[in-house]
Protein backbone atom coordinates (compact mmCIF):
# COMPACT_ATOMS: atom_id res chain seq x y z
CA MET A 1 -73.70 44.15 -175.41
CA PRO A 2 -76.29 43.94 -178.30
CA GLN A 3 -77.85 47.28 -178.18
CA LEU A 4 -74.51 48.79 -179.62
CA ASN A 5 -75.03 46.41 -182.90
CA PRO A 6 -75.47 49.30 -185.40
CA ASP A 7 -76.92 46.36 -187.76
CA PRO A 8 -80.61 46.26 -187.52
CA TRP A 9 -81.52 50.08 -186.18
CA PHE A 10 -79.51 51.65 -188.96
CA LEU A 11 -81.73 49.90 -191.36
CA ILE A 12 -84.97 50.92 -189.35
CA LEU A 13 -83.55 54.81 -189.38
CA SER A 14 -82.74 54.69 -193.08
CA LEU A 15 -86.17 53.51 -193.62
CA ALA A 16 -87.82 55.59 -191.18
CA TRP A 17 -86.53 58.52 -193.08
CA LEU A 18 -86.81 57.77 -196.87
CA THR A 19 -90.31 56.75 -195.74
CA TYR A 20 -90.58 60.66 -194.23
CA ILE A 21 -88.69 62.26 -197.13
CA LEU A 22 -90.35 60.32 -199.59
CA VAL A 23 -94.16 59.05 -198.73
CA LEU A 24 -95.16 61.65 -195.80
CA GLN A 25 -93.47 64.79 -196.76
CA PRO A 26 -94.76 65.67 -200.09
CA LYS A 27 -98.44 65.14 -198.79
CA ILE A 28 -97.76 67.08 -195.74
CA LEU A 29 -96.40 69.94 -197.99
CA SER A 30 -99.28 70.12 -199.88
CA ASN A 31 -101.67 70.35 -197.75
CA LYS A 32 -102.62 74.67 -197.82
CA SER A 33 -102.81 76.74 -194.72
CA MET A 34 -106.25 78.29 -194.11
CA ASN A 35 -104.48 81.40 -192.58
CA HIS A 36 -103.53 83.75 -195.98
CA PRO A 37 -101.35 86.26 -194.64
CA THR A 38 -102.64 89.48 -195.25
CA ASN A 39 -100.93 93.22 -195.53
CA LYS A 40 -100.16 95.00 -192.09
CA ASN A 41 -102.15 98.26 -191.74
CA ASN A 42 -99.85 100.95 -191.67
CA GLU A 43 -102.08 103.06 -189.57
CA ILE A 44 -100.25 104.69 -186.88
CA ILE A 45 -101.73 104.58 -183.96
CA LYS A 46 -102.13 107.32 -181.50
CA THR A 47 -101.88 106.44 -177.85
CA ASN A 48 -101.18 108.40 -174.72
CA PRO A 49 -98.64 108.06 -172.35
CA TRP A 50 -99.16 106.31 -168.89
CA THR A 51 -99.16 108.76 -166.10
CA TRP A 52 -97.41 107.23 -163.01
CA PRO A 53 -99.09 107.78 -159.61
CA TRP A 54 -95.74 108.46 -158.00
CA PRO A 55 -93.18 111.39 -158.48
């Protein structure tokens, strides 16, 4: 069964991961997010309890 021969596939897998780690990942991580986190407002919101229509 030739599909179980790991010789060509291991090389392809290794080269793909090395390409991702060494080339693509630094380029992806260098992009800056446009949505910067902001401080959440600690203001307490007063809500009214729900009045159920049945007793």
